[in-house]
Amino acid sequence: MTAHTTPAGPAAGRRAARRRLIRELLLVAGFFTVYKAGRLLSTDRTGEAFRNADRIWDAERFLHLPGEGAVQRLLLHGDALVTTANTYYAAVHFPATVLFLVWLYIRRPAHYLWTRRVLAVLTGAALVLHLAYPLAPPRMLPAARLIDTGQVYGPTVYRAAPDADTLANQFAAMPSLHFGWALMLAIGVIVATRGGKGSAWRLLWLLHPLVTLLVIVGTANHYWLDAIVAAALLGIALLVVPRPRADTGTDADTGTDTDAGQGDGDGAEAERAVRGLPRQKSTAGAVGAGK
């Protein structure tokens, strides 16, 4: 008798997809927990954080970077504008990144793996720098003469007294992961949607990191150099983590498979894992046939 392998049906594909989804959720949650715990290790280094803040402020003046106050004065033209900026800082950063990763996981699995690894490298490097170089944000620096817009106008994610804040390390200003993650979100969408319908408009995603930059500076939560260092670390991460050669997920516009079989090993693995997710009838039939 000739041995053969029976192709797995849609039910087996759905079980594999659920297992992979659970693994990914545990992996991301575990990494985030380690990051948050690590950030809190430097909360008691207040004196060092303020000395570093003075150095960063002097360095920016030496480099003739524009003052953070110029952006803040624009925001302070109206209460609604500054409140919107505070809300953007508090409510957009993390949810936008999560939604971006969910979209990639479902629609562009090969790019999801690449993006997750880039973000992991960037965030890990940021954690090391947070621990090695505690930095008080410009809203705390007397020389900056800036307003803590979150405390004055709201909403804010920080407590008024940094030492009493058990949920966030307010001395982890450099690098700015608000900006680093926003920039990676824009890059990830641009790369993942190249060649699709409306791809000429995908550069508009760069508005997200641009708005984020103006918000983090205008609300006095970060220096210009915080964003510059974040961009540099992201550049290193992009060089270290290989890009997928081709996407083996579904086309973002049509919902059909594209470039099948051309991705790297990780892309093929990710494609197999998401095959159990709901798709169009034609694709489901292909899965049932063991393609």
C-alpha atoms as a PDB file:
ATOM      1  CA  MET A   1       0.000   0.000   0.000  1.00  0.00           C
ATOM      2  CA  THR A   2       1.131   3.496  -0.732  1.00  0.00           C
ATOM      3  CA  ALA A   3       1.186   5.786   2.299  1.00  0.00           C
ATOM      4  CA  HIS A   4      -0.241   9.227   1.815  1.00  0.00           C
ATOM      5  CA  THR A   5      -1.100  12.229   3.941  1.00  0.00           C
ATOM      6  CA  THR A   6      -4.722  13.268   4.173  1.00  0.00           C
ATOM      7  CA  PRO A   7      -5.033  17.051   3.739  1.00  0.00           C
ATOM      8  CA  ALA A   8      -6.236  18.832   6.828  1.00  0.00           C
ATOM      9  CA  GLY A   9      -9.765  20.197   6.540  1.00  0.00           C
ATOM     10  CA  PRO A  10     -11.118  23.622   7.478  1.00  0.00           C
ATOM     11  CA  ALA A  11     -11.756  22.525  11.094  1.00  0.00           C
ATOM     12  CA  ALA A  12      -8.103  21.579  11.586  1.00  0.00           C
ATOM     13  CA  GLY A  13      -7.078  24.876  10.026  1.00  0.00           C
ATOM     14  CA  ARG A  14      -9.273  26.808  12.444  1.00  0.00           C
ATOM     15  CA  ARG A  15      -7.804  24.936  15.421  1.00  0.00           C
ATOM     16  CA  ALA A  16      -4.280  25.719  14.217  1.00  0.00           C
ATOM     17  CA  ALA A  17      -5.231  29.364  13.781  1.00  0.00           C
ATOM     18  CA  ARG A  18      -6.621  29.549  17.319  1.00  0.00           C
ATOM     19  CA  ARG A  19      -3.487  27.953  18.765  1.00  0.00           C
ATOM     20  CA  ARG A  20      -1.263  30.402  16.935  1.00  0.00           C
ATOM     21  CA  LEU A  21      -3.444  33.346  17.991  1.00  0.00           C
ATOM     22  CA  ILE A  22      -3.192  32.294  21.642  1.00  0.00           C
ATOM     23  CA  ARG A  23       0.590  31.958  21.343  1.00  0.00           C
ATOM     24  CA  GLU A  24       0.860  35.406  19.799  1.00  0.00           C
ATOM     25  CA  LEU A  25      -1.330  36.994  22.483  1.00  0.00           C
ATOM     26  CA  LEU A  26       0.717  35.381  25.251  1.00  0.00           C
ATOM     27  CA  LEU A  27       3.965  36.403  23.582  1.00  0.00           C
ATOM     28  CA  VAL A  28       2.948  40.033  23.117  1.00  0.00           C
ATOM     29  CA  ALA A  29       1.406  40.264  26.597  1.00  0.00           C
ATOM     30  CA  GLY A  30       4.500  38.717  28.179  1.00  0.00           C
ATOM     31  CA  PHE A  31       6.865  41.056  26.363  1.00  0.00           C
ATOM     32  CA  PHE A  32       4.756  44.085  27.292  1.00  0.00           C
ATOM     33  CA  THR A  33       4.675  42.999  30.954  1.00  0.00           C
ATOM     34  CA  VAL A  34       8.454  42.652  31.041  1.00  0.00           C
ATOM     35  CA  TYR A  35       8.831  46.059  29.422  1.00  0.00           C
ATOM     36  CA  LYS A  36       6.495  47.770  31.892  1.00  0.00           C
ATOM     37  CA  ALA A  37       8.187  46.086  34.856  1.00  0.00           C
ATOM     38  CA  GLY A  38      11.625  47.030  33.559  1.00  0.00           C
ATOM     39  CA  ARG A  39      10.688  50.687  33.131  1.00  0.00           C
ATOM     40  CA  LEU A  40       9.686  50.937  36.776  1.00  0.00           C
ATOM     41  CA  LEU A  41      13.185  49.950  37.924  1.00  0.00           C
ATOM     42  CA  SER A  42      14.482  53.483  37.353  1.00  0.00           C
ATOM     43  CA  THR A  43      11.681  55.457  39.003  1.00  0.00           C
ATOM     44  CA  ASP A  44      13.783  56.335  42.079  1.00  0.00           C
ATOM     45  CA  ARG A  45      16.624  58.000  40.131  1.00  0.00           C
ATOM     46  CA  THR A  46      15.139  61.490  40.274  1.00  0.00           C
ATOM     47  CA  GLY A  47      18.365  63.452  40.664  1.00  0.00           C
ATOM     48  CA  GLU A  48      20.047  61.691  37.740  1.00  0.00           C
ATOM     49  CA  ALA A  49      16.939  62.161  35.594  1.00  0.00           C
ATOM     50  CA  PHE A  50      16.977  65.937  36.113  1.00  0.00           C
ATOM     51  CA  ARG A  51      20.718  66.215  35.508  1.00  0.00           C
ATOM     52  CA  ASN A  52      20.266  64.373  32.221  1.00  0.00           C
ATOM     53  CA  ALA A  53      17.362  66.684  31.362  1.00  0.00           C
ATOM     54  CA  ASP A  54      19.632  69.720  31.764  1.00  0.00           C
ATOM     55  CA  ARG A  55      22.187  68.079  29.458  1.00  0.00           C
ATOM     56  CA  ILE A  56      19.575  67.284  26.794  1.00  0.00           C
ATOM     57  CA  TRP A  57      18.193  70.814  26.947  1.00  0.00           C
ATOM     58  CA  ASP A  58      21.669  72.307  26.545  1.00  0.00           C
ATOM     59  CA  ALA A  59      22.475  69.875  23.724  1.00  0.00           C
ATOM     60  CA  GLU A  60      19.366  70.918  21.803  1.00  0.00           C
ATOM     61  CA  ARG A  61      20.270  74.573  22.131  1.00  0.00           C
ATOM     62  CA  PHE A  62      23.818  73.775  20.988  1.00  0.00           C
ATOM     63  CA  LEU A  63      22.399  71.969  17.940  1.00  0.00           C
ATOM     64  CA  HIS A  64      20.059  74.920  17.268  1.00  0.00           C
ATOM     65  CA  LEU A  65      16.984  72.717  17.363  1.00  0.00           C
ATOM     66  CA  PRO A  66      13.709  74.650  17.550  1.00  0.00           C
ATOM     67  CA  GLY A  67      12.422  75.185  21.039  1.00  0.00           C
ATOM     68  CA  GLU A  68       9.671  72.849  22.233  1.00  0.00           C
ATOM     69  CA  GLY A  69       7.841  75.936  23.452  1.00  0.00           C
ATOM     70  CA  ALA A  70       7.174  77.056  19.881  1.00  0.00           C
ATOM     71  CA  VAL A  71       4.974  74.012  19.288  1.00  0.00           C
ATOM     72  CA  GLN A  72       3.287  74.328  22.658  1.00  0.00           C
ATOM     73  CA  ARG A  73       2.346  77.954  22.012  1.00  0.00           C
ATOM     74  CA  LEU A  74       0.522  76.821  18.878  1.00  0.00           C
ATOM     75  CA  LEU A  75      -1.481  74.291  20.903  1.00  0.00           C
ATOM     76  CA  LEU A  76      -2.332  76.839  23.566  1.00  0.00           C
ATOM     77  CA  HIS A  77      -4.238  79.030  21.088  1.00  0.00           C
ATOM     78  CA  GLY A  78      -7.404  77.201  22.113  1.00  0.00           C
ATOM     79  CA  ASP A  79      -8.514  74.864  24.893  1.00  0.00           C
ATOM     80  CA  ALA A  80     -10.064  72.481  22.383  1.00  0.00           C
ATOM     81  CA  LEU A  81      -6.797  72.164  20.461  1.00  0.00           C
ATOM     82  CA  VAL A  82      -4.638  71.414  23.480  1.00  0.00           C
ATOM     83  CA  THR A  83      -7.241  69.006  24.873  1.00  0.00           C
ATOM     84  CA  THR A  84      -7.299  67.189  21.545  1.00  0.00           C
ATOM     85  CA  ALA A  85      -3.513  66.931  21.627  1.00  0.00           C
ATOM     86  CA  ASN A  86      -3.610  65.511  25.162  1.00  0.00           C
ATOM     87  CA  THR A  87      -6.263  63.006  24.106  1.00  0.00           C
ATOM     88  CA  TYR A  88      -4.184  61.975  21.086  1.00  0.00           C
ATOM     89  CA  TYR A  89      -1.185  61.404  23.351  1.00  0.00           C
ATOM     90  CA  ALA A  90      -3.172  59.412  25.897  1.00  0.00           C
ATOM     91  CA  ALA A  91      -5.586  57.428  23.744  1.00  0.00           C
ATOM     92  CA  VAL A  92      -4.158  56.872  20.241  1.00  0.00           C
ATOM     93  CA  HIS A  93      -0.652  55.503  20.793  1.00  0.00           C
ATOM     94  CA  PHE A  94      -1.360  52.004  22.141  1.00  0.00           C
ATOM     95  CA  PRO A  95      -4.779  51.247  20.542  1.00  0.00           C
ATOM     96  CA  ALA A  96      -3.525  52.305  17.096  1.00  0.00           C
ATOM     97  CA  THR A  97      -0.537  49.968  17.388  1.00  0.00           C
ATOM     98  CA  VAL A  98      -2.732  47.072  18.524  1.00  0.00           C
ATOM     99  CA  LEU A  99      -5.215  47.569  15.675  1.00  0.00           C
ATOM    100  CA  PHE A 100      -2.323  47.790  13.220  1.00  0.00           C
ATOM    101  CA  LEU A 101      -0.895  44.470  14.429  1.00  0.00           C
ATOM    102  CA  VAL A 102      -4.320  42.797  14.338  1.00  0.00           C
ATOM    103  CA  TRP A 103      -4.846  43.969  10.763  1.00  0.00           C
ATOM    104  CA  LEU A 104      -1.431  42.654   9.737  1.00  0.00           C
ATOM    105  CA  TYR A 105      -2.013  39.336  11.502  1.00  0.00           C
ATOM    106  CA  ILE A 106      -5.215  38.738   9.547  1.00  0.00           C
ATOM    107  CA  ARG A 107      -4.451  40.375   6.192  1.00  0.00           C
ATOM    108  CA  ARG A 108      -0.657  40.364   5.886  1.00  0.00           C
ATOM    109  CA  PRO A 109       0.728  37.524   8.041  1.00  0.00           C
ATOM    110  CA  ALA A 110       4.271  37.663   6.639  1.00  0.00           C
ATOM    111  CA  HIS A 111       4.443  41.387   7.335  1.00  0.00           C
ATOM    112  CA  TYR A 112       2.972  40.810  10.788  1.00  0.00           C
ATOM    113  CA  LEU A 113       5.924  38.615  11.756  1.00  0.00           C
ATOM    114  CA  TRP A 114       8.371  41.177  10.396  1.00  0.00           C
ATOM    115  CA  THR A 115       6.647  44.084  12.137  1.00  0.00           C
ATOM    116  CA  ARG A 116       6.346  42.261  15.451  1.00  0.00           C
ATOM    117  CA  ARG A 117      10.056  41.507  15.428  1.00  0.00           C
ATOM    118  CA  VAL A 118      10.996  45.069  14.501  1.00  0.00           C
ATOM    119  CA  LEU A 119       8.826  46.446  17.293  1.00  0.00           C
ATOM    120  CA  ALA A 120      10.327  43.942  19.733  1.00  0.00           C
ATOM    121  CA  VAL A 121      13.886  45.007  18.847  1.00  0.00           C
ATOM    122  CA  LEU A 122      12.956  48.694  19.044  1.00  0.00           C
ATOM    123  CA  THR A 123      11.138  48.322  22.366  1.00  0.00           C
ATOM    124  CA  GLY A 124      13.895  46.192  23.881  1.00  0.00           C
ATOM    125  CA  ALA A 125      16.527  48.742  22.890  1.00  0.00           C
ATOM    126  CA  ALA A 126      14.345  51.516  24.298  1.00  0.00           C
ATOM    127  CA  LEU A 127      14.041  49.683  27.616  1.00  0.00           C
ATOM    128  CA  VAL A 128      17.812  49.394  27.888  1.00  0.00           C
ATOM    129  CA  LEU A 129      18.171  53.125  27.248  1.00  0.00           C
ATOM    130  CA  HIS A 130      15.389  53.959  29.711  1.00  0.00           C
ATOM    131  CA  LEU A 131      17.269  52.070  32.410  1.00  0.00           C
ATOM    132  CA  ALA A 132      20.697  53.403  31.482  1.00  0.00           C
ATOM    133  CA  TYR A 133      19.660  57.019  30.928  1.00  0.00           C
ATOM    134  CA  PRO A 134      16.730  58.173  33.072  1.00  0.00           C
ATOM    135  CA  LEU A 135      15.439  61.471  31.746  1.00  0.00           C
ATOM    136  CA  ALA A 136      12.913  63.928  33.132  1.00  0.00           C
ATOM    137  CA  PRO A 137      10.565  65.197  30.391  1.00  0.00           C
ATOM    138  CA  PRO A 138      10.529  68.903  29.455  1.00  0.00           C
ATOM    139  CA  ARG A 139       7.288  69.505  31.371  1.00  0.00           C
ATOM    140  CA  MET A 140       9.297  68.946  34.588  1.00  0.00           C
ATOM    141  CA  LEU A 141      12.331  70.999  33.622  1.00  0.00           C
ATOM    142  CA  PRO A 142      12.291  74.557  35.062  1.00  0.00           C
ATOM    143  CA  ALA A 143      14.643  75.831  32.335  1.00  0.00           C
ATOM    144  CA  ALA A 144      12.155  74.810  29.635  1.00  0.00           C
ATOM    145  CA  ARG A 145       9.355  76.973  31.104  1.00  0.00           C
ATOM    146  CA  LEU A 146       6.716  74.711  29.616  1.00  0.00           C
ATOM    147  CA  ILE A 147       3.229  73.865  30.837  1.00  0.00           C
ATOM    148  CA  ASP A 148       2.247  70.334  31.783  1.00  0.00           C
ATOM    149  CA  THR A 149      -0.759  70.428  29.473  1.00  0.00           C
ATOM    150  CA  GLY A 150      -2.020  67.065  30.673  1.00  0.00           C
ATOM    151  CA  GLN A 151      -2.319  68.234  34.282  1.00  0.00           C
ATOM    152  CA  VAL A 152      -3.655  71.708  33.404  1.00  0.00           C
ATOM    153  CA  TYR A 153      -6.100  70.899  30.602  1.00  0.00           C
ATOM    154  CA  GLY A 154      -6.462  67.110  30.703  1.00  0.00           C
ATOM    155  CA  PRO A 155      -6.696  64.309  30.025  1.00  0.00           C
ATOM    156  CA  THR A 156      -3.435  62.876  31.334  1.00  0.00           C
ATOM    157  CA  VAL A 157      -1.999  59.397  31.802  1.00  0.00           C
ATOM    158  CA  TYR A 158       0.421  60.491  34.539  1.00  0.00           C
ATOM    159  CA  ARG A 159       0.039  61.416  38.169  1.00  0.00           C
ATOM    160  CA  ALA A 160       1.087  64.879  39.241  1.00  0.00           C
ATOM    161  CA  ALA A 161       3.856  63.511  41.501  1.00  0.00           C
ATOM    162  CA  PRO A 162       6.255  61.242  39.545  1.00  0.00           C
ATOM    163  CA  ASP A 163       7.411  59.446  42.688  1.00  0.00           C
ATOM    164  CA  ALA A 164       3.813  58.428  43.472  1.00  0.00           C
ATOM    165  CA  ASP A 165       3.135  57.087  39.987  1.00  0.00           C
ATOM    166  CA  THR A 166       3.163  53.293  40.264  1.00  0.00           C
ATOM    167  CA  LEU A 167       1.772  52.712  36.759  1.00  0.00           C
ATOM    168  CA  ALA A 168       4.305  54.595  34.643  1.00  0.00           C
ATOM    169  CA  ASN A 169       7.923  55.647  34.798  1.00  0.00           C
ATOM    170  CA  GLN A 170       7.815  59.355  34.065  1.00  0.00           C
ATOM    171  CA  PHE A 171      11.612  59.471  33.810  1.00  0.00           C
ATOM    172  CA  ALA A 172      11.654  57.267  30.685  1.00  0.00           C
ATOM    173  CA  ALA A 173      11.481  60.092  28.164  1.00  0.00           C
ATOM    174  CA  MET A 174      14.280  58.927  25.867  1.00  0.00           C
ATOM    175  CA  PRO A 175      13.632  57.444  23.420  1.00  0.00           C
ATOM    176  CA  SER A 176      10.006  58.271  22.666  1.00  0.00           C
ATOM    177  CA  LEU A 177       8.185  55.037  21.900  1.00  0.00           C
ATOM    178  CA  HIS A 178       5.142  57.135  21.077  1.00  0.00           C
ATOM    179  CA  PHE A 179       7.059  58.367  18.054  1.00  0.00           C
ATOM    180  CA  GLY A 180       8.970  55.146  17.348  1.00  0.00           C
ATOM    181  CA  TRP A 181       5.839  53.003  17.264  1.00  0.00           C
ATOM    182  CA  ALA A 182       3.940  55.590  15.211  1.00  0.00           C
ATOM    183  CA  LEU A 183       6.737  55.713  12.653  1.00  0.00           C
ATOM    184  CA  MET A 184       6.850  51.922  12.420  1.00  0.00           C
ATOM    185  CA  LEU A 185       3.079  51.831  11.998  1.00  0.00           C
ATOM    186  CA  ALA A 186       3.336  54.152   9.014  1.00  0.00           C
ATOM    187  CA  ILE A 187       6.280  52.250   7.505  1.00  0.00           C
ATOM    188  CA  GLY A 188       4.550  48.917   8.068  1.00  0.00           C
ATOM    189  CA  VAL A 189       1.332  49.972   6.342  1.00  0.00           C
ATOM    190  CA  ILE A 190       3.240  51.520   3.437  1.00  0.00           C
ATOM    191  CA  VAL A 191       5.314  48.363   2.894  1.00  0.00           C
ATOM    192  CA  ALA A 192       2.392  45.966   3.357  1.00  0.00           C
ATOM    193  CA  THR A 193       0.095  47.785   0.909  1.00  0.00           C
ATOM    194  CA  ARG A 194       2.557  48.422  -1.899  1.00  0.00           C
ATOM    195  CA  GLY A 195       1.112  47.503  -5.255  1.00  0.00           C
ATOM    196  CA  GLY A 196      -2.491  47.394  -4.020  1.00  0.00           C
ATOM    197  CA  LYS A 197      -5.411  49.591  -4.944  1.00  0.00           C
ATOM    198  CA  GLY A 198      -4.935  53.156  -3.796  1.00  0.00           C
ATOM    199  CA  SER A 199      -1.291  52.505  -3.001  1.00  0.00           C
ATOM    200  CA  ALA A 200      -0.432  56.002  -4.247  1.00  0.00           C
ATOM    201  CA  TRP A 201      -2.195  57.360  -1.142  1.00  0.00           C
ATOM    202  CA  ARG A 202      -0.391  55.133   1.336  1.00  0.00           C
ATOM    203  CA  LEU A 203       2.247  57.799   2.013  1.00  0.00           C
ATOM    204  CA  LEU A 204      -0.465  59.718   3.866  1.00  0.00           C
ATOM    205  CA  TRP A 205       0.146  57.295   6.732  1.00  0.00           C
ATOM    206  CA  LEU A 206       3.274  59.340   7.452  1.00  0.00           C
ATOM    207  CA  LEU A 207       0.914  61.967   8.849  1.00  0.00           C
ATOM    208  CA  HIS A 208       0.476  59.747  11.907  1.00  0.00           C
ATOM    209  CA  PRO A 209       4.101  59.975  13.094  1.00  0.00           C
ATOM    210  CA  LEU A 210       4.190  63.653  12.092  1.00  0.00           C
ATOM    211  CA  VAL A 211       1.129  64.471  14.213  1.00  0.00           C
ATOM    212  CA  THR A 212       2.524  62.284  16.996  1.00  0.00           C
ATOM    213  CA  LEU A 213       5.787  64.218  16.926  1.00  0.00           C
ATOM    214  CA  LEU A 214       4.015  67.561  17.240  1.00  0.00           C
ATOM    215  CA  VAL A 215       1.822  66.190  20.038  1.00  0.00           C
ATOM    216  CA  ILE A 216       4.603  64.702  22.176  1.00  0.00           C
ATOM    217  CA  VAL A 217       6.648  67.898  21.878  1.00  0.00           C
ATOM    218  CA  GLY A 218       3.756  70.349  22.212  1.00  0.00           C
ATOM    219  CA  THR A 219       2.414  68.654  25.326  1.00  0.00           C
ATOM    220  CA  ALA A 220       5.929  68.832  26.853  1.00  0.00           C
ATOM    221  CA  ASN A 221       6.155  65.065  27.279  1.00  0.00           C
ATOM    222  CA  HIS A 222       9.241  64.691  25.080  1.00  0.00           C
ATOM    223  CA  TYR A 223      12.214  66.566  23.665  1.00  0.00           C
ATOM    224  CA  TRP A 224      13.023  66.671  19.968  1.00  0.00           C
ATOM    225  CA  LEU A 225      16.014  64.449  20.700  1.00  0.00           C
ATOM    226  CA  ASP A 226      13.746  61.785  22.163  1.00  0.00           C
ATOM    227  CA  ALA A 227      12.100  61.395  18.769  1.00  0.00           C
ATOM    228  CA  ILE A 228      15.406  61.559  16.901  1.00  0.00           C
ATOM    229  CA  VAL A 229      16.875  58.767  19.027  1.00  0.00           C
ATOM    230  CA  ALA A 230      13.706  56.685  18.563  1.00  0.00           C
ATOM    231  CA  ALA A 231      13.974  57.074  14.784  1.00  0.00           C
ATOM    232  CA  ALA A 232      17.639  56.035  14.898  1.00  0.00           C
ATOM    233  CA  LEU A 233      16.844  52.920  16.940  1.00  0.00           C
ATOM    234  CA  LEU A 234      14.031  52.048  14.547  1.00  0.00           C
ATOM    235  CA  GLY A 235      16.443  52.409  11.643  1.00  0.00           C
ATOM    236  CA  ILE A 236      18.810  49.926  13.312  1.00  0.00           C
ATOM    237  CA  ALA A 237      15.941  47.518  13.975  1.00  0.00           C
ATOM    238  CA  LEU A 238      14.883  47.693  10.323  1.00  0.00           C
ATOM    239  CA  LEU A 239      18.426  46.852   9.277  1.00  0.00           C
ATOM    240  CA  VAL A 240      18.678  43.936  11.693  1.00  0.00           C
ATOM    241  CA  VAL A 241      15.313  42.300  10.966  1.00  0.00           C
ATOM    242  CA  PRO A 242      15.006  40.967   7.381  1.00  0.00           C
ATOM    243  CA  ARG A 243      11.994  42.180   5.436  1.00  0.00           C
ATOM    244  CA  PRO A 244       9.620  39.585   3.956  1.00  0.00           C
ATOM    245  CA  ARG A 245      10.383  39.005   0.273  1.00  0.00           C
ATOM    246  CA  ALA A 246       6.703  38.777  -0.586  1.00  0.00           C
ATOM    247  CA  ASP A 247       3.445  38.756   1.314  1.00  0.00           C
ATOM    248  CA  THR A 248       1.705  35.403   1.538  1.00  0.00           C
ATOM    249  CA  GLY A 249      -1.430  36.795   3.143  1.00  0.00           C
ATOM    250  CA  THR A 250      -4.624  38.040   1.591  1.00  0.00           C
ATOM    251  CA  ASP A 251      -4.786  41.121  -0.531  1.00  0.00           C
ATOM    252  CA  ALA A 252      -5.922  44.070   1.575  1.00  0.00           C
ATOM    253  CA  ASP A 253      -8.273  45.341  -1.111  1.00  0.00           C
ATOM    254  CA  THR A 254      -9.720  42.220  -2.708  1.00  0.00           C
ATOM    255  CA  GLY A 255      -9.478  39.598   0.049  1.00  0.00           C
ATOM    256  CA  THR A 256      -7.772  37.141  -2.332  1.00  0.00           C
ATOM    257  CA  ASP A 257      -4.432  35.409  -2.005  1.00  0.00           C
ATOM    258  CA  THR A 258      -1.483  37.229  -3.527  1.00  0.00           C
ATOM    259  CA  ASP A 259       2.081  36.151  -4.274  1.00  0.00           C
ATOM    260  CA  ALA A 260       1.356  32.656  -2.979  1.00  0.00           C
ATOM    261  CA  GLY A 261       4.465  30.583  -2.424  1.00  0.00           C
ATOM    262  CA  GLN A 262       6.884  33.483  -2.874  1.00  0.00           C
ATOM    263  CA  GLY A 263       7.319  34.466   0.805  1.00  0.00           C
ATOM    264  CA  ASP A 264      10.065  33.323   3.085  1.00  0.00           C
ATOM    265  CA  GLY A 265       9.695  30.474   5.558  1.00  0.00           C
ATOM    266  CA  ASP A 266       8.139  32.662   8.236  1.00  0.00           C
ATOM    267  CA  GLY A 267       5.612  34.024   5.794  1.00  0.00           C
ATOM    268  CA  ALA A 268       4.615  30.510   4.724  1.00  0.00           C
ATOM    269  CA  GLU A 269       4.276  29.463   8.361  1.00  0.00           C
ATOM    270  CA  ALA A 270       2.131  32.465   9.150  1.00  0.00           C
ATOM    271  CA  GLU A 271      -0.030  31.823   6.101  1.00  0.00           C
ATOM    272  CA  ARG A 272      -0.680  28.252   7.171  1.00  0.00           C
ATOM    273  CA  ALA A 273      -1.589  29.447  10.646  1.00  0.00           C
ATOM    274  CA  VAL A 274      -4.207  31.952   9.495  1.00  0.00           C
ATOM    275  CA  ARG A 275      -5.818  29.710   6.905  1.00  0.00           C
ATOM    276  CA  GLY A 276      -8.451  28.698   9.428  1.00  0.00           C
ATOM    277  CA  LEU A 277      -9.751  32.250   9.710  1.00  0.00           C
ATOM    278  CA  PRO A 278     -12.983  33.141   7.840  1.00  0.00           C
ATOM    279  CA  ARG A 279     -12.381  33.947   4.193  1.00  0.00           C
ATOM    280  CA  GLN A 280     -14.156  34.007   0.893  1.00  0.00           C
ATOM    281  CA  LYS A 281     -15.659  30.755  -0.335  1.00  0.00           C
ATOM    282  CA  SER A 282     -13.005  30.300  -3.042  1.00  0.00           C
ATOM    283  CA  THR A 283     -10.154  30.526  -0.573  1.00  0.00           C
ATOM    284  CA  ALA A 284     -11.868  28.204   1.892  1.00  0.00           C
ATOM    285  CA  GLY A 285     -12.199  25.654  -0.872  1.00  0.00           C
ATOM    286  CA  ALA A 286      -8.501  25.921  -1.584  1.00  0.00           C
ATOM    287  CA  VAL A 287      -7.735  25.262   2.051  1.00  0.00           C
ATOM    288  CA  GLY A 288      -9.975  22.198   2.087  1.00  0.00           C
ATOM    289  CA  ALA A 289      -8.075  20.914  -0.939  1.00  0.00           C
ATOM    290  CA  GLY A 290      -4.837  21.113   1.015  1.00  0.00           C
ATOM    291  CA  LYS A 291      -3.255  23.931  -0.982  1.00  0.00           C
END
